[in-house]
């Protein structure tokens, strides 16, 4: 059982139900999170909104999702958590790349 599922979904699956992934997740290395311009808030009613942008490998936008939080604090929390996930993923990936290219030190026992 996937621990990231909500308790409700876990119950559905335990009772014989199933879930279908309709779209693949956005890779974290192709994700950009941006706050909306405060200038647009009163005009478009975008209070506490932020943008998630999916970019292809050429850094061109291929999808955009506009999300709106209930409060400014919730918006900041969401944005901070997503930014932290992106940062952690990038650091881990870069560390793995470095370890693949570094050769082990030559042994003095040879």
C-alpha atoms as a PDB file:
ATOM      1  CA  UNK A   1       0.000   0.000   0.000  1.00  0.00           C
ATOM      2  CA  UNK A   2       1.345   3.390  -0.965  1.00  0.00           C
ATOM      3  CA  UNK A   3       1.815   5.512   2.193  1.00  0.00           C
ATOM      4  CA  UNK A   4       1.265   8.750   0.276  1.00  0.00           C
ATOM      5  CA  UNK A   5      -2.383   7.876  -0.391  1.00  0.00           C
ATOM      6  CA  UNK A   6      -4.981   9.572   1.752  1.00  0.00           C
ATOM      7  CA  UNK A   7      -6.734   7.388   4.339  1.00  0.00           C
ATOM      8  CA  UNK A   8      -9.893   7.519   2.218  1.00  0.00           C
ATOM      9  CA  UNK A   9      -8.076   6.165  -0.853  1.00  0.00           C
ATOM     10  CA  UNK A  10      -6.339   3.508   1.253  1.00  0.00           C
ATOM     11  CA  UNK A  11      -9.762   2.333   2.451  1.00  0.00           C
ATOM     12  CA  UNK A  12     -11.087   2.199  -1.120  1.00  0.00           C
ATOM     13  CA  UNK A  13      -8.119   0.075  -2.209  1.00  0.00           C
ATOM     14  CA  UNK A  14      -8.403  -2.253   0.812  1.00  0.00           C
ATOM     15  CA  UNK A  15     -12.046  -2.813  -0.110  1.00  0.00           C
ATOM     16  CA  UNK A  16     -11.071  -3.933  -3.613  1.00  0.00           C
ATOM     17  CA  UNK A  17     -11.206  -0.607  -5.433  1.00  0.00           C
ATOM     18  CA  UNK A  18      -8.512   0.648  -7.755  1.00  0.00           C
ATOM     19  CA  UNK A  19      -6.980   3.938  -8.864  1.00  0.00           C
ATOM     20  CA  UNK A  20      -5.801   4.997 -12.299  1.00  0.00           C
ATOM     21  CA  UNK A  21      -3.075   7.554 -12.988  1.00  0.00           C
ATOM     22  CA  UNK A  22      -4.490   9.823 -15.680  1.00  0.00           C
ATOM     23  CA  UNK A  23      -1.342  11.815 -16.273  1.00  0.00           C
ATOM     24  CA  UNK A  24       2.286  11.300 -15.401  1.00  0.00           C
ATOM     25  CA  UNK A  25       3.722  13.461 -12.621  1.00  0.00           C
ATOM     26  CA  UNK A  26       5.759  16.499 -13.570  1.00  0.00           C
ATOM     27  CA  UNK A  27       9.485  15.808 -13.081  1.00  0.00           C
ATOM     28  CA  UNK A  28      10.877  18.099 -10.400  1.00  0.00           C
ATOM     29  CA  UNK A  29      13.783  19.162 -12.604  1.00  0.00           C
ATOM     30  CA  UNK A  30      11.273  20.530 -15.121  1.00  0.00           C
ATOM     31  CA  UNK A  31       9.075  22.388 -12.661  1.00  0.00           C
ATOM     32  CA  UNK A  32       8.999  26.137 -12.024  1.00  0.00           C
ATOM     33  CA  UNK A  33       6.955  27.742  -9.246  1.00  0.00           C
ATOM     34  CA  UNK A  34       6.127  31.441  -9.420  1.00  0.00           C
ATOM     35  CA  UNK A  35       3.937  33.792  -7.463  1.00  0.00           C
ATOM     36  CA  UNK A  36       1.395  35.810  -9.394  1.00  0.00           C
ATOM     37  CA  UNK A  37       1.900  39.535  -9.760  1.00  0.00           C
ATOM     38  CA  UNK A  38       0.049  41.425  -6.978  1.00  0.00           C
ATOM     39  CA  UNK A  39      -1.087  43.863  -9.680  1.00  0.00           C
ATOM     40  CA  UNK A  40      -3.328  41.144 -11.163  1.00  0.00           C
ATOM     41  CA  UNK A  41      -4.988  40.197  -7.875  1.00  0.00           C
ATOM     42  CA  UNK A  42      -7.763  42.816  -7.852  1.00  0.00           C
ATOM     43  CA  UNK A  43      -8.272  42.763 -11.617  1.00  0.00           C
ATOM     44  CA  UNK A  44      -8.612  39.000 -12.087  1.00  0.00           C
ATOM     45  CA  UNK A  45      -9.562  37.973  -8.552  1.00  0.00           C
ATOM     46  CA  UNK A  46      -6.350  35.991  -8.160  1.00  0.00           C
ATOM     47  CA  UNK A  47      -5.857  36.452  -4.443  1.00  0.00           C
ATOM     48  CA  UNK A  48      -3.233  34.064  -3.021  1.00  0.00           C
ATOM     49  CA  UNK A  49      -2.586  32.495  -6.428  1.00  0.00           C
ATOM     50  CA  UNK A  50       0.618  30.948  -7.712  1.00  0.00           C
ATOM     51  CA  UNK A  51       1.731  29.335 -10.928  1.00  0.00           C
ATOM     52  CA  UNK A  52       3.248  25.909 -11.509  1.00  0.00           C
ATOM     53  CA  UNK A  53       4.929  25.753 -14.893  1.00  0.00           C
ATOM     54  CA  UNK A  54       6.024  22.508 -16.592  1.00  0.00           C
ATOM     55  CA  UNK A  55       8.926  23.002 -18.973  1.00  0.00           C
ATOM     56  CA  UNK A  56      10.399  20.632 -21.531  1.00  0.00           C
ATOM     57  CA  UNK A  57      14.117  19.879 -21.744  1.00  0.00           C
ATOM     58  CA  UNK A  58      14.608  23.030 -23.836  1.00  0.00           C
ATOM     59  CA  UNK A  59      13.064  25.115 -21.005  1.00  0.00           C
ATOM     60  CA  UNK A  60       9.949  25.903 -23.056  1.00  0.00           C
ATOM     61  CA  UNK A  61       6.663  26.004 -21.180  1.00  0.00           C
ATOM     62  CA  UNK A  62       4.487  23.032 -22.144  1.00  0.00           C
ATOM     63  CA  UNK A  63       1.873  23.330 -19.385  1.00  0.00           C
ATOM     64  CA  UNK A  64       0.853  25.849 -16.743  1.00  0.00           C
ATOM     65  CA  UNK A  65      -1.310  25.353 -13.682  1.00  0.00           C
ATOM     66  CA  UNK A  66      -2.723  28.288 -11.743  1.00  0.00           C
ATOM     67  CA  UNK A  67      -3.466  27.358  -8.139  1.00  0.00           C
ATOM     68  CA  UNK A  68      -5.183  29.477  -5.536  1.00  0.00           C
ATOM     69  CA  UNK A  69      -4.710  29.033  -1.792  1.00  0.00           C
ATOM     70  CA  UNK A  70      -7.166  30.026   0.904  1.00  0.00           C
ATOM     71  CA  UNK A  71      -4.713  32.401   2.600  1.00  0.00           C
ATOM     72  CA  UNK A  72      -1.378  34.066   1.881  1.00  0.00           C
ATOM     73  CA  UNK A  73       0.310  31.902   4.528  1.00  0.00           C
ATOM     74  CA  UNK A  74      -0.984  28.705   2.932  1.00  0.00           C
ATOM     75  CA  UNK A  75       0.242  29.952  -0.448  1.00  0.00           C
ATOM     76  CA  UNK A  76       3.710  30.647   0.975  1.00  0.00           C
ATOM     77  CA  UNK A  77       3.782  27.212   2.611  1.00  0.00           C
ATOM     78  CA  UNK A  78       2.866  25.456  -0.641  1.00  0.00           C
ATOM     79  CA  UNK A  79       5.440  27.427  -2.610  1.00  0.00           C
ATOM     80  CA  UNK A  80       8.163  26.838  -0.004  1.00  0.00           C
ATOM     81  CA  UNK A  81       7.470  23.100   0.147  1.00  0.00           C
ATOM     82  CA  UNK A  82       7.522  22.741  -3.637  1.00  0.00           C
ATOM     83  CA  UNK A  83      10.713  24.823  -3.889  1.00  0.00           C
ATOM     84  CA  UNK A  84      12.328  22.670  -1.170  1.00  0.00           C
ATOM     85  CA  UNK A  85      11.378  19.484  -3.039  1.00  0.00           C
ATOM     86  CA  UNK A  86      12.896  20.862  -6.250  1.00  0.00           C
ATOM     87  CA  UNK A  87      16.068  21.908  -4.416  1.00  0.00           C
ATOM     88  CA  UNK A  88      16.459  18.551  -2.641  1.00  0.00           C
ATOM     89  CA  UNK A  89      15.904  16.648  -5.873  1.00  0.00           C
ATOM     90  CA  UNK A  90      18.429  18.795  -7.741  1.00  0.00           C
ATOM     91  CA  UNK A  91      21.071  18.426  -5.005  1.00  0.00           C
ATOM     92  CA  UNK A  92      20.593  14.650  -4.870  1.00  0.00           C
ATOM     93  CA  UNK A  93      20.762  14.320  -8.641  1.00  0.00           C
ATOM     94  CA  UNK A  94      23.872  16.503  -8.873  1.00  0.00           C
ATOM     95  CA  UNK A  95      25.570  14.544  -6.066  1.00  0.00           C
ATOM     96  CA  UNK A  96      24.847  11.282  -7.859  1.00  0.00           C
ATOM     97  CA  UNK A  97      26.265  12.685 -11.111  1.00  0.00           C
ATOM     98  CA  UNK A  98      29.457  13.789  -9.348  1.00  0.00           C
ATOM     99  CA  UNK A  99      29.935  10.398  -7.674  1.00  0.00           C
ATOM    100  CA  UNK A 100      29.579   8.651 -11.043  1.00  0.00           C
ATOM    101  CA  UNK A 101      32.343  10.737 -12.598  1.00  0.00           C
ATOM    102  CA  UNK A 102      34.844  10.748  -9.746  1.00  0.00           C
ATOM    103  CA  UNK A 103      37.258   7.865  -9.787  1.00  0.00           C
ATOM    104  CA  UNK A 104      38.173   6.223  -6.506  1.00  0.00           C
ATOM    105  CA  UNK A 105      41.522   7.123  -5.006  1.00  0.00           C
ATOM    106  CA  UNK A 106      44.302   4.720  -5.918  1.00  0.00           C
ATOM    107  CA  UNK A 107      44.975   2.188  -3.214  1.00  0.00           C
ATOM    108  CA  UNK A 108      48.358   2.316  -1.480  1.00  0.00           C
ATOM    109  CA  UNK A 109      48.196  -1.442  -0.902  1.00  0.00           C
ATOM    110  CA  UNK A 110      48.894  -2.296  -4.540  1.00  0.00           C
END
